[in-house]
Amino acid sequence: MFRAVLFDLDGTLREFEPALPQVYREVLQTYRIRVSPQAERAVWRWAHAFWAASDELRQLLSQYRGEDGHPTEAFWTIYHAHKLERLGLSPAQAAALAPAVSRALAEQVDQAEDRALPDALPTLRRLRAMGYRLAVLTNRRHAPDPEYLARLGLAPCFDAVWAAGELQAFKPDPRVFQAAVRAWGFEPHEVVYVGDNFYADVVGARR
């Protein structure tokens, strides 16, 4: 019987407004690049797999990580070039356009509103009222501070917030789920995990 619910954060409880797929679509339209819904879905599936601790991600980060631990501008340029190729551009076209797309996206994201998903807080309150314990396990390097969660209106809902980087493993590595569950004092069969990334969240939790 489940006694607790562990949540992913980004894309599950919070998002940018406008959402990243919409921002990406609008930026591409400024360069007269139109993308079919099928191609867009395929690209976001690839992106989910990429960010789920893929070999490709690890290789890029080994070369393009700054002193602060975050990806460098060159990392993002290469990442967006890969996405543009998967949208149908030639490698040469993607490489030429990627720096401008990367800068434009960064500017749009800086201006976007960071908000909790509309149904997040009602769902969390309902689960708490039903007696479930709640916590967050994010694939970020560092856990968000309480003030950040308070701005989203989510802070009172959780017993704990863990970041994969602080647990020394990243989703979908099962060790990160095991570490969070142990720290929480539950057995794995007592906890259900909720996330938006099939590769990182579903595959990882099932392990």
N, C-alpha and C. Protein backbone atom coordinates (compact mmCIF):
# COMPACT_ATOMS: atom_id res chain seq x y z
N MET A 1 0.85 -1.20 0.00
CA MET A 1 0.00 0.00 0.00
C MET A 1 0.88 1.25 0.00
N PHE A 2 0.57 2.19 -0.87
CA PHE A 2 1.35 3.42 -0.93
C PHE A 2 1.05 4.30 0.28
N ARG A 3 2.11 4.85 0.84
CA ARG A 3 1.97 5.77 1.97
C ARG A 3 2.49 7.16 1.63
N ALA A 4 3.23 7.27 0.53
CA ALA A 4 3.89 8.54 0.21
C ALA A 4 3.99 8.73 -1.30
N VAL A 5 4.07 9.99 -1.72
CA VAL A 5 4.19 10.33 -3.14
C VAL A 5 5.39 11.25 -3.31
N LEU A 6 6.28 10.83 -4.18
CA LEU A 6 7.50 11.59 -4.49
C LEU A 6 7.32 12.21 -5.87
N PHE A 7 7.54 13.52 -5.98
CA PHE A 7 7.29 14.25 -7.22
C PHE A 7 8.58 14.76 -7.85
N ASP A 8 8.63 14.68 -9.17
CA ASP A 8 9.57 15.49 -9.95
C ASP A 8 9.12 16.94 -9.84
N LEU A 9 9.99 17.87 -10.14
CA LEU A 9 9.64 19.30 -10.04
C LEU A 9 9.39 19.93 -11.41
N ASP A 10 10.44 19.99 -12.24
CA ASP A 10 10.36 20.73 -13.50
C ASP A 10 9.53 19.97 -14.53
N GLY A 11 8.47 20.64 -15.02
CA GLY A 11 7.59 20.02 -15.99
C GLY A 11 6.48 19.20 -15.36
N THR A 12 6.58 18.93 -14.07
CA THR A 12 5.57 18.15 -13.35
C THR A 12 4.76 19.04 -12.41
N LEU A 13 5.45 19.82 -11.60
CA LEU A 13 4.79 20.74 -10.68
C LEU A 13 4.91 22.19 -11.11
N ARG A 14 5.98 22.51 -11.86
CA ARG A 14 6.18 23.90 -12.30
C ARG A 14 6.58 23.92 -13.76
N GLU A 15 6.37 25.08 -14.38
CA GLU A 15 6.75 25.27 -15.78
C GLU A 15 6.93 26.75 -16.04
N PHE A 16 7.48 27.06 -17.21
CA PHE A 16 7.51 28.45 -17.65
C PHE A 16 6.20 28.78 -18.35
N GLU A 17 5.81 30.03 -18.25
CA GLU A 17 4.64 30.53 -18.99
C GLU A 17 5.09 31.71 -19.84
N PRO A 18 5.12 31.62 -21.17
CA PRO A 18 4.68 30.46 -21.95
C PRO A 18 5.60 29.25 -21.79
N ALA A 19 5.04 28.07 -22.05
CA ALA A 19 5.78 26.82 -21.91
C ALA A 19 6.89 26.74 -22.94
N LEU A 20 7.93 25.97 -22.63
CA LEU A 20 9.10 25.89 -23.50
C LEU A 20 8.79 25.47 -24.94
N PRO A 21 7.93 24.46 -25.17
CA PRO A 21 7.63 24.12 -26.57
C PRO A 21 7.05 25.29 -27.35
N GLN A 22 6.21 26.10 -26.70
CA GLN A 22 5.64 27.27 -27.37
C GLN A 22 6.72 28.31 -27.65
N VAL A 23 7.60 28.53 -26.67
CA VAL A 23 8.70 29.48 -26.86
C VAL A 23 9.58 29.04 -28.03
N TYR A 24 9.90 27.76 -28.06
CA TYR A 24 10.75 27.23 -29.13
C TYR A 24 10.08 27.42 -30.49
N ARG A 25 8.79 27.14 -30.54
CA ARG A 25 8.03 27.29 -31.79
C ARG A 25 8.06 28.74 -32.27
N GLU A 26 7.86 29.68 -31.35
CA GLU A 26 7.82 31.09 -31.72
C GLU A 26 9.18 31.58 -32.19
N VAL A 27 10.24 31.13 -31.53
CA VAL A 27 11.59 31.53 -31.95
C VAL A 27 11.87 31.01 -33.36
N LEU A 28 11.53 29.76 -33.63
CA LEU A 28 11.77 29.19 -34.96
C LEU A 28 10.97 29.93 -36.03
N GLN A 29 9.77 30.36 -35.68
CA GLN A 29 8.94 31.09 -36.65
C GLN A 29 9.58 32.41 -37.05
N THR A 30 10.35 33.03 -36.14
CA THR A 30 11.03 34.27 -36.50
C THR A 30 12.10 34.03 -37.57
N TYR A 31 12.56 32.79 -37.67
CA TYR A 31 13.54 32.42 -38.71
C TYR A 31 12.86 31.67 -39.87
N ARG A 32 11.53 31.78 -39.90
CA ARG A 32 10.72 31.18 -40.97
C ARG A 32 10.92 29.66 -41.06
N ILE A 33 11.08 29.06 -39.90
CA ILE A 33 11.16 27.60 -39.83
C ILE A 33 9.85 27.09 -39.26
N ARG A 34 9.13 26.36 -40.07
CA ARG A 34 7.86 25.79 -39.63
C ARG A 34 8.04 24.31 -39.35
N VAL A 35 7.46 23.87 -38.26
CA VAL A 35 7.67 22.50 -37.79
C VAL A 35 6.32 21.80 -37.71
N SER A 36 6.26 20.60 -38.24
CA SER A 36 5.02 19.82 -38.15
C SER A 36 4.83 19.33 -36.72
N PRO A 37 3.58 19.11 -36.30
CA PRO A 37 3.35 18.57 -34.96
C PRO A 37 4.07 17.25 -34.73
N GLN A 38 4.16 16.42 -35.77
CA GLN A 38 4.82 15.13 -35.62
C GLN A 38 6.32 15.31 -35.34
N ALA A 39 6.95 16.23 -36.10
CA ALA A 39 8.38 16.49 -35.88
C ALA A 39 8.62 17.10 -34.51
N GLU A 40 7.72 17.98 -34.08
CA GLU A 40 7.88 18.61 -32.77
C GLU A 40 7.79 17.56 -31.66
N ARG A 41 6.83 16.66 -31.76
CA ARG A 41 6.71 15.61 -30.74
C ARG A 41 7.96 14.73 -30.72
N ALA A 42 8.47 14.40 -31.91
CA ALA A 42 9.68 13.56 -31.99
C ALA A 42 10.87 14.26 -31.35
N VAL A 43 10.99 15.56 -31.57
CA VAL A 43 12.11 16.31 -31.00
C VAL A 43 12.03 16.35 -29.48
N TRP A 44 10.84 16.56 -28.94
CA TRP A 44 10.73 16.62 -27.49
C TRP A 44 10.92 15.25 -26.85
N ARG A 45 10.55 14.18 -27.57
CA ARG A 45 10.87 12.84 -27.06
C ARG A 45 12.38 12.65 -27.01
N TRP A 46 13.06 13.12 -28.08
CA TRP A 46 14.52 13.03 -28.08
C TRP A 46 15.11 13.85 -26.93
N ALA A 47 14.58 15.06 -26.70
CA ALA A 47 15.09 15.91 -25.63
C ALA A 47 14.91 15.25 -24.27
N HIS A 48 13.77 14.60 -24.05
CA HIS A 48 13.55 13.90 -22.78
C HIS A 48 14.60 12.81 -22.59
N ALA A 49 14.87 12.05 -23.67
CA ALA A 49 15.87 10.99 -23.58
C ALA A 49 17.26 11.59 -23.35
N PHE A 50 17.56 12.70 -24.02
CA PHE A 50 18.86 13.36 -23.89
C PHE A 50 19.12 13.77 -22.45
N TRP A 51 18.12 14.39 -21.81
CA TRP A 51 18.32 14.91 -20.45
C TRP A 51 18.25 13.82 -19.40
N ALA A 52 17.88 12.61 -19.78
CA ALA A 52 17.79 11.51 -18.81
C ALA A 52 19.15 10.83 -18.65
N ALA A 53 20.16 11.63 -18.34
CA ALA A 53 21.52 11.10 -18.08
C ALA A 53 22.03 10.25 -19.23
N SER A 54 21.77 10.70 -20.46
CA SER A 54 22.21 9.94 -21.63
C SER A 54 23.72 10.04 -21.80
N ASP A 55 24.29 9.10 -22.56
CA ASP A 55 25.72 9.16 -22.87
C ASP A 55 26.06 10.45 -23.61
N GLU A 56 25.15 10.87 -24.49
CA GLU A 56 25.37 12.10 -25.25
C GLU A 56 25.46 13.30 -24.32
N LEU A 57 24.58 13.36 -23.32
CA LEU A 57 24.61 14.45 -22.35
C LEU A 57 25.91 14.43 -21.56
N ARG A 58 26.29 13.27 -21.06
CA ARG A 58 27.52 13.18 -20.27
C ARG A 58 28.75 13.59 -21.08
N GLN A 59 28.78 13.19 -22.34
CA GLN A 59 29.92 13.55 -23.19
C GLN A 59 30.00 15.05 -23.39
N LEU A 60 28.86 15.69 -23.67
CA LEU A 60 28.87 17.14 -23.88
C LEU A 60 29.25 17.87 -22.60
N LEU A 61 28.70 17.43 -21.47
CA LEU A 61 29.02 18.11 -20.21
C LEU A 61 30.48 17.95 -19.83
N SER A 62 31.08 16.83 -20.21
CA SER A 62 32.50 16.64 -19.90
C SER A 62 33.37 17.65 -20.63
N GLN A 63 32.87 18.18 -21.74
CA GLN A 63 33.64 19.14 -22.54
C GLN A 63 33.19 20.58 -22.32
N TYR A 64 31.92 20.76 -21.98
CA TYR A 64 31.35 22.11 -21.97
C TYR A 64 30.61 22.40 -20.67
N ARG A 65 31.28 22.20 -19.56
CA ARG A 65 30.73 22.58 -18.26
C ARG A 65 31.58 23.70 -17.68
N GLY A 66 30.94 24.77 -17.22
CA GLY A 66 31.68 25.89 -16.67
C GLY A 66 32.18 25.62 -15.26
N GLU A 67 32.95 26.57 -14.72
CA GLU A 67 33.49 26.42 -13.37
C GLU A 67 32.38 26.38 -12.33
N ASP A 68 31.24 26.96 -12.65
CA ASP A 68 30.11 26.95 -11.71
C ASP A 68 29.32 25.65 -11.78
N GLY A 69 29.73 24.74 -12.66
CA GLY A 69 29.04 23.46 -12.80
C GLY A 69 27.92 23.46 -13.80
N HIS A 70 27.59 24.62 -14.36
CA HIS A 70 26.49 24.71 -15.31
C HIS A 70 27.01 24.58 -16.75
N PRO A 71 26.13 24.15 -17.68
CA PRO A 71 26.54 24.07 -19.08
C PRO A 71 26.95 25.44 -19.62
N THR A 72 27.96 25.46 -20.47
CA THR A 72 28.43 26.71 -21.06
C THR A 72 27.56 27.09 -22.26
N GLU A 73 27.81 28.29 -22.79
CA GLU A 73 27.08 28.73 -23.98
C GLU A 73 27.32 27.79 -25.16
N ALA A 74 28.55 27.27 -25.27
CA ALA A 74 28.86 26.33 -26.35
C ALA A 74 28.03 25.05 -26.23
N PHE A 75 27.80 24.60 -24.99
CA PHE A 75 26.95 23.43 -24.78
C PHE A 75 25.57 23.66 -25.37
N TRP A 76 24.97 24.81 -25.04
CA TRP A 76 23.61 25.08 -25.50
C TRP A 76 23.55 25.23 -27.02
N THR A 77 24.59 25.80 -27.61
CA THR A 77 24.62 25.94 -29.06
C THR A 77 24.63 24.56 -29.73
N ILE A 78 25.45 23.66 -29.22
CA ILE A 78 25.51 22.30 -29.79
C ILE A 78 24.19 21.58 -29.57
N TYR A 79 23.63 21.73 -28.38
CA TYR A 79 22.34 21.08 -28.07
C TYR A 79 21.26 21.53 -29.05
N HIS A 80 21.16 22.83 -29.28
CA HIS A 80 20.13 23.33 -30.19
C HIS A 80 20.42 22.95 -31.64
N ALA A 81 21.68 22.83 -32.00
CA ALA A 81 22.01 22.34 -33.34
C ALA A 81 21.49 20.91 -33.53
N HIS A 82 21.64 20.08 -32.50
CA HIS A 82 21.11 18.71 -32.57
C HIS A 82 19.59 18.74 -32.74
N LYS A 83 18.92 19.61 -32.01
CA LYS A 83 17.46 19.69 -32.11
C LYS A 83 17.04 20.16 -33.50
N LEU A 84 17.74 21.15 -34.03
CA LEU A 84 17.39 21.67 -35.35
C LEU A 84 17.58 20.61 -36.43
N GLU A 85 18.63 19.81 -36.31
CA GLU A 85 18.81 18.71 -37.27
C GLU A 85 17.64 17.74 -37.21
N ARG A 86 17.17 17.47 -36.02
CA ARG A 86 16.05 16.53 -35.87
C ARG A 86 14.74 17.13 -36.34
N LEU A 87 14.72 18.44 -36.53
CA LEU A 87 13.54 19.09 -37.10
C LEU A 87 13.61 19.16 -38.62
N GLY A 88 14.69 18.64 -39.21
CA GLY A 88 14.77 18.55 -40.66
C GLY A 88 15.80 19.44 -41.32
N LEU A 89 16.52 20.28 -40.55
CA LEU A 89 17.55 21.11 -41.15
C LEU A 89 18.79 20.26 -41.44
N SER A 90 19.54 20.68 -42.44
CA SER A 90 20.80 19.99 -42.72
C SER A 90 21.79 20.31 -41.60
N PRO A 91 22.83 19.48 -41.41
CA PRO A 91 23.83 19.79 -40.38
C PRO A 91 24.43 21.19 -40.54
N ALA A 92 24.69 21.60 -41.78
CA ALA A 92 25.27 22.93 -42.01
C ALA A 92 24.28 24.03 -41.62
N GLN A 93 23.01 23.87 -42.01
CA GLN A 93 21.99 24.86 -41.65
C GLN A 93 21.81 24.93 -40.13
N ALA A 94 21.76 23.77 -39.50
CA ALA A 94 21.57 23.72 -38.05
C ALA A 94 22.73 24.39 -37.32
N ALA A 95 23.95 24.11 -37.75
CA ALA A 95 25.13 24.70 -37.11
C ALA A 95 25.15 26.22 -37.28
N ALA A 96 24.72 26.70 -38.45
CA ALA A 96 24.73 28.14 -38.72
C ALA A 96 23.67 28.87 -37.90
N LEU A 97 22.53 28.23 -37.70
CA LEU A 97 21.40 28.88 -37.04
C LEU A 97 21.41 28.69 -35.52
N ALA A 98 22.06 27.66 -35.03
CA ALA A 98 21.99 27.30 -33.61
C ALA A 98 22.41 28.43 -32.66
N PRO A 99 23.50 29.18 -32.91
CA PRO A 99 23.86 30.24 -31.96
C PRO A 99 22.76 31.28 -31.79
N ALA A 100 22.14 31.69 -32.89
CA ALA A 100 21.08 32.70 -32.80
C ALA A 100 19.86 32.14 -32.09
N VAL A 101 19.50 30.90 -32.40
CA VAL A 101 18.35 30.26 -31.75
C VAL A 101 18.61 30.12 -30.25
N SER A 102 19.82 29.72 -29.89
CA SER A 102 20.17 29.55 -28.48
C SER A 102 20.06 30.87 -27.72
N ARG A 103 20.58 31.95 -28.31
CA ARG A 103 20.50 33.26 -27.65
C ARG A 103 19.06 33.73 -27.53
N ALA A 104 18.28 33.56 -28.60
CA ALA A 104 16.89 34.01 -28.59
C ALA A 104 16.07 33.25 -27.54
N LEU A 105 16.31 31.95 -27.44
CA LEU A 105 15.60 31.15 -26.45
C LEU A 105 15.97 31.57 -25.04
N ALA A 106 17.25 31.82 -24.81
CA ALA A 106 17.69 32.25 -23.48
C ALA A 106 17.01 33.56 -23.08
N GLU A 107 16.90 34.49 -24.04
CA GLU A 107 16.23 35.76 -23.76
C GLU A 107 14.75 35.56 -23.45
N GLN A 108 14.10 34.69 -24.23
CA GLN A 108 12.67 34.44 -24.02
C GLN A 108 12.44 33.77 -22.67
N VAL A 109 13.28 32.81 -22.32
CA VAL A 109 13.11 32.12 -21.04
C VAL A 109 13.34 33.07 -19.88
N ASP A 110 14.31 33.98 -20.01
CA ASP A 110 14.56 34.97 -18.95
C ASP A 110 13.33 35.83 -18.70
N GLN A 111 12.54 36.06 -19.74
CA GLN A 111 11.35 36.91 -19.62
C GLN A 111 10.10 36.12 -19.24
N ALA A 112 10.18 34.79 -19.32
CA ALA A 112 9.01 33.96 -19.05
C ALA A 112 8.70 33.94 -17.56
N GLU A 113 7.44 33.71 -17.26
CA GLU A 113 7.00 33.60 -15.87
C GLU A 113 7.23 32.17 -15.38
N ASP A 114 7.81 32.04 -14.21
CA ASP A 114 8.00 30.73 -13.58
C ASP A 114 6.80 30.51 -12.67
N ARG A 115 6.03 29.46 -12.93
CA ARG A 115 4.80 29.29 -12.17
C ARG A 115 4.53 27.81 -11.89
N ALA A 116 3.71 27.58 -10.86
CA ALA A 116 3.23 26.23 -10.60
C ALA A 116 2.17 25.89 -11.64
N LEU A 117 2.12 24.64 -12.05
CA LEU A 117 1.06 24.21 -12.96
C LEU A 117 -0.29 24.41 -12.28
N PRO A 118 -1.33 24.75 -13.05
CA PRO A 118 -2.62 25.13 -12.44
C PRO A 118 -3.21 24.08 -11.50
N ASP A 119 -3.02 22.81 -11.81
CA ASP A 119 -3.63 21.78 -10.96
C ASP A 119 -2.68 21.24 -9.89
N ALA A 120 -1.47 21.81 -9.81
CA ALA A 120 -0.48 21.26 -8.87
C ALA A 120 -0.90 21.44 -7.42
N LEU A 121 -1.19 22.67 -7.02
CA LEU A 121 -1.49 22.92 -5.61
C LEU A 121 -2.77 22.22 -5.16
N PRO A 122 -3.87 22.27 -5.92
CA PRO A 122 -5.07 21.53 -5.50
C PRO A 122 -4.80 20.03 -5.34
N THR A 123 -4.00 19.47 -6.25
CA THR A 123 -3.68 18.04 -6.16
C THR A 123 -2.87 17.74 -4.91
N LEU A 124 -1.87 18.56 -4.64
CA LEU A 124 -1.03 18.34 -3.46
C LEU A 124 -1.84 18.47 -2.17
N ARG A 125 -2.71 19.45 -2.12
CA ARG A 125 -3.54 19.64 -0.92
C ARG A 125 -4.47 18.45 -0.71
N ARG A 126 -5.02 17.94 -1.80
CA ARG A 126 -5.93 16.79 -1.70
C ARG A 126 -5.17 15.56 -1.20
N LEU A 127 -3.98 15.34 -1.71
CA LEU A 127 -3.19 14.19 -1.27
C LEU A 127 -2.81 14.31 0.20
N ARG A 128 -2.45 15.52 0.63
CA ARG A 128 -2.13 15.73 2.05
C ARG A 128 -3.35 15.44 2.91
N ALA A 129 -4.52 15.90 2.46
CA ALA A 129 -5.74 15.68 3.23
C ALA A 129 -6.09 14.20 3.33
N MET A 130 -5.66 13.43 2.32
CA MET A 130 -5.91 11.98 2.32
C MET A 130 -4.89 11.22 3.17
N GLY A 131 -3.91 11.95 3.70
CA GLY A 131 -2.96 11.33 4.60
C GLY A 131 -1.64 10.92 3.99
N TYR A 132 -1.42 11.24 2.71
CA TYR A 132 -0.16 10.88 2.07
C TYR A 132 0.94 11.85 2.46
N ARG A 133 2.15 11.33 2.61
CA ARG A 133 3.32 12.17 2.79
C ARG A 133 3.84 12.55 1.41
N LEU A 134 4.34 13.77 1.27
CA LEU A 134 4.77 14.29 -0.04
C LEU A 134 6.19 14.84 0.04
N ALA A 135 6.94 14.62 -1.04
CA ALA A 135 8.29 15.18 -1.14
C ALA A 135 8.64 15.37 -2.61
N VAL A 136 9.76 16.04 -2.86
CA VAL A 136 10.23 16.34 -4.22
C VAL A 136 11.60 15.71 -4.43
N LEU A 137 11.78 15.10 -5.61
CA LEU A 137 13.09 14.64 -6.06
C LEU A 137 13.32 15.21 -7.46
N THR A 138 14.19 16.21 -7.57
CA THR A 138 14.46 16.86 -8.84
C THR A 138 15.82 16.45 -9.37
N ASN A 139 15.97 16.47 -10.68
CA ASN A 139 17.25 16.11 -11.30
C ASN A 139 18.21 17.30 -11.36
N ARG A 140 17.89 18.36 -10.67
CA ARG A 140 18.80 19.51 -10.61
C ARG A 140 20.05 19.14 -9.80
N ARG A 141 21.08 19.95 -9.98
CA ARG A 141 22.32 19.72 -9.21
C ARG A 141 22.13 20.13 -7.75
N HIS A 142 21.32 21.16 -7.50
CA HIS A 142 21.09 21.65 -6.15
C HIS A 142 19.59 21.80 -5.91
N ALA A 143 19.17 21.52 -4.70
CA ALA A 143 17.75 21.64 -4.37
C ALA A 143 17.33 23.11 -4.39
N PRO A 144 16.14 23.40 -4.90
CA PRO A 144 15.66 24.79 -4.86
C PRO A 144 15.47 25.24 -3.42
N ASP A 145 15.74 26.53 -3.18
CA ASP A 145 15.63 27.01 -1.81
C ASP A 145 14.15 27.17 -1.42
N PRO A 146 13.86 27.21 -0.12
CA PRO A 146 12.47 27.33 0.34
C PRO A 146 11.76 28.56 -0.20
N GLU A 147 12.51 29.65 -0.38
CA GLU A 147 11.88 30.87 -0.89
C GLU A 147 11.35 30.67 -2.31
N TYR A 148 12.09 29.90 -3.11
CA TYR A 148 11.65 29.63 -4.48
C TYR A 148 10.34 28.84 -4.46
N LEU A 149 10.28 27.79 -3.66
CA LEU A 149 9.05 27.00 -3.58
C LEU A 149 7.91 27.82 -2.98
N ALA A 150 8.24 28.73 -2.07
CA ALA A 150 7.21 29.58 -1.48
C ALA A 150 6.61 30.51 -2.54
N ARG A 151 7.45 31.04 -3.43
CA ARG A 151 6.94 31.90 -4.50
C ARG A 151 5.98 31.14 -5.42
N LEU A 152 6.25 29.84 -5.58
CA LEU A 152 5.36 29.02 -6.40
C LEU A 152 4.11 28.59 -5.63
N GLY A 153 4.10 28.83 -4.32
CA GLY A 153 2.97 28.42 -3.50
C GLY A 153 3.00 26.97 -3.07
N LEU A 154 4.15 26.30 -3.24
CA LEU A 154 4.23 24.87 -3.00
C LEU A 154 4.94 24.49 -1.71
N ALA A 155 5.62 25.43 -1.08
CA ALA A 155 6.49 25.11 0.05
C ALA A 155 5.81 24.34 1.18
N PRO A 156 4.57 24.70 1.59
CA PRO A 156 3.99 24.01 2.75
C PRO A 156 3.61 22.56 2.50
N CYS A 157 3.69 22.10 1.27
CA CYS A 157 3.15 20.79 0.92
C CYS A 157 4.11 19.64 1.18
N PHE A 158 5.41 19.93 1.33
CA PHE A 158 6.39 18.85 1.26
C PHE A 158 7.14 18.63 2.58
N ASP A 159 7.41 17.34 2.84
CA ASP A 159 8.26 16.98 3.97
C ASP A 159 9.72 17.29 3.68
N ALA A 160 10.11 17.09 2.42
CA ALA A 160 11.52 17.23 2.05
C ALA A 160 11.63 17.53 0.56
N VAL A 161 12.76 18.11 0.18
CA VAL A 161 13.09 18.37 -1.23
C VAL A 161 14.52 17.91 -1.45
N TRP A 162 14.70 16.97 -2.39
CA TRP A 162 16.04 16.45 -2.68
C TRP A 162 16.42 16.77 -4.12
N ALA A 163 17.70 17.04 -4.33
CA ALA A 163 18.25 17.22 -5.67
C ALA A 163 19.17 16.05 -5.97
N ALA A 164 19.08 15.56 -7.20
CA ALA A 164 19.88 14.41 -7.60
C ALA A 164 21.38 14.69 -7.42
N GLY A 165 21.79 15.92 -7.76
CA GLY A 165 23.21 16.25 -7.65
C GLY A 165 23.74 16.13 -6.23
N GLU A 166 22.87 16.37 -5.25
CA GLU A 166 23.28 16.28 -3.85
C GLU A 166 23.20 14.85 -3.32
N LEU A 167 22.53 13.97 -4.07
CA LEU A 167 22.45 12.55 -3.71
C LEU A 167 23.46 11.71 -4.49
N GLN A 168 24.29 12.38 -5.30
CA GLN A 168 25.41 11.73 -6.01
C GLN A 168 24.97 10.77 -7.11
N ALA A 169 23.79 10.96 -7.66
CA ALA A 169 23.33 10.16 -8.81
C ALA A 169 22.19 10.92 -9.46
N PHE A 170 22.01 10.71 -10.76
CA PHE A 170 20.97 11.42 -11.50
C PHE A 170 19.98 10.43 -12.11
N LYS A 171 18.70 10.83 -12.13
CA LYS A 171 17.69 10.00 -12.79
C LYS A 171 18.10 9.78 -14.25
N PRO A 172 17.94 8.56 -14.77
CA PRO A 172 17.16 7.42 -14.26
C PRO A 172 17.94 6.43 -13.41
N ASP A 173 19.12 6.78 -12.92
CA ASP A 173 19.88 5.87 -12.07
C ASP A 173 19.03 5.50 -10.85
N PRO A 174 18.77 4.22 -10.61
CA PRO A 174 17.90 3.84 -9.48
C PRO A 174 18.46 4.25 -8.13
N ARG A 175 19.77 4.49 -8.06
CA ARG A 175 20.36 4.86 -6.77
C ARG A 175 19.82 6.18 -6.24
N VAL A 176 19.44 7.09 -7.13
CA VAL A 176 18.94 8.37 -6.65
C VAL A 176 17.56 8.20 -6.02
N PHE A 177 16.73 7.33 -6.60
CA PHE A 177 15.42 7.05 -6.01
C PHE A 177 15.59 6.33 -4.67
N GLN A 178 16.49 5.37 -4.64
CA GLN A 178 16.72 4.60 -3.41
C GLN A 178 17.23 5.50 -2.29
N ALA A 179 18.13 6.43 -2.63
CA ALA A 179 18.68 7.33 -1.61
C ALA A 179 17.60 8.22 -1.03
N ALA A 180 16.71 8.75 -1.88
CA ALA A 180 15.64 9.61 -1.40
C ALA A 180 14.67 8.84 -0.51
N VAL A 181 14.31 7.64 -0.93
CA VAL A 181 13.36 6.84 -0.15
C VAL A 181 13.96 6.47 1.21
N ARG A 182 15.24 6.11 1.23
CA ARG A 182 15.90 5.78 2.50
C ARG A 182 15.93 7.00 3.42
N ALA A 183 16.29 8.15 2.86
CA ALA A 183 16.36 9.36 3.67
C ALA A 183 15.00 9.73 4.25
N TRP A 184 13.96 9.35 3.54
CA TRP A 184 12.59 9.67 3.94
C TRP A 184 12.06 8.69 4.98
N GLY A 185 12.70 7.52 5.07
CA GLY A 185 12.28 6.53 6.05
C GLY A 185 11.22 5.56 5.58
N PHE A 186 11.04 5.44 4.26
CA PHE A 186 10.06 4.51 3.70
C PHE A 186 10.76 3.36 2.99
N GLU A 187 9.99 2.31 2.71
CA GLU A 187 10.42 1.23 1.84
C GLU A 187 9.99 1.56 0.41
N PRO A 188 10.73 1.10 -0.61
CA PRO A 188 10.38 1.44 -1.99
C PRO A 188 8.93 1.12 -2.37
N HIS A 189 8.38 0.01 -1.87
CA HIS A 189 7.02 -0.36 -2.25
C HIS A 189 5.97 0.56 -1.62
N GLU A 190 6.39 1.42 -0.71
CA GLU A 190 5.45 2.33 -0.05
C GLU A 190 5.36 3.69 -0.75
N VAL A 191 6.18 3.90 -1.76
CA VAL A 191 6.28 5.22 -2.40
C VAL A 191 5.97 5.12 -3.88
N VAL A 192 5.15 6.04 -4.39
CA VAL A 192 4.90 6.16 -5.82
C VAL A 192 5.60 7.42 -6.31
N TYR A 193 6.17 7.36 -7.50
CA TYR A 193 6.88 8.52 -8.06
C TYR A 193 6.10 9.09 -9.23
N VAL A 194 6.00 10.42 -9.29
CA VAL A 194 5.25 11.11 -10.35
C VAL A 194 6.19 12.06 -11.08
N GLY A 195 6.30 11.89 -12.40
CA GLY A 195 7.16 12.77 -13.20
C GLY A 195 6.65 12.86 -14.62
N ASP A 196 7.28 13.73 -15.42
CA ASP A 196 6.81 13.98 -16.79
C ASP A 196 7.73 13.39 -17.85
N ASN A 197 8.91 12.90 -17.46
CA ASN A 197 9.88 12.40 -18.43
C ASN A 197 9.91 10.88 -18.36
N PHE A 198 9.45 10.22 -19.43
CA PHE A 198 9.38 8.75 -19.43
C PHE A 198 10.74 8.13 -19.14
N TYR A 199 11.78 8.64 -19.78
CA TYR A 199 13.10 8.03 -19.67
C TYR A 199 13.71 8.23 -18.29
N ALA A 200 13.60 9.43 -17.74
CA ALA A 200 14.20 9.71 -16.44
C ALA A 200 13.31 9.26 -15.29
N ASP A 201 12.01 9.53 -15.40
CA ASP A 201 11.12 9.33 -14.26
C ASP A 201 10.47 7.95 -14.23
N VAL A 202 9.88 7.53 -15.33
CA VAL A 202 9.19 6.24 -15.34
C VAL A 202 10.18 5.09 -15.33
N VAL A 203 11.12 5.11 -16.28
CA VAL A 203 12.11 4.03 -16.35
C VAL A 203 12.94 3.97 -15.07
N GLY A 204 13.36 5.13 -14.59
CA GLY A 204 14.18 5.16 -13.38
C GLY A 204 13.45 4.63 -12.16
N ALA A 205 12.21 5.07 -11.96
CA ALA A 205 11.46 4.64 -10.77
C ALA A 205 11.15 3.15 -10.81
N ARG A 206 10.93 2.61 -12.00
CA ARG A 206 10.62 1.18 -12.12
C ARG A 206 11.80 0.29 -11.78
N ARG A 207 13.00 0.83 -11.91
CA ARG A 207 14.18 0.03 -11.60
C ARG A 207 14.32 -0.24 -10.11
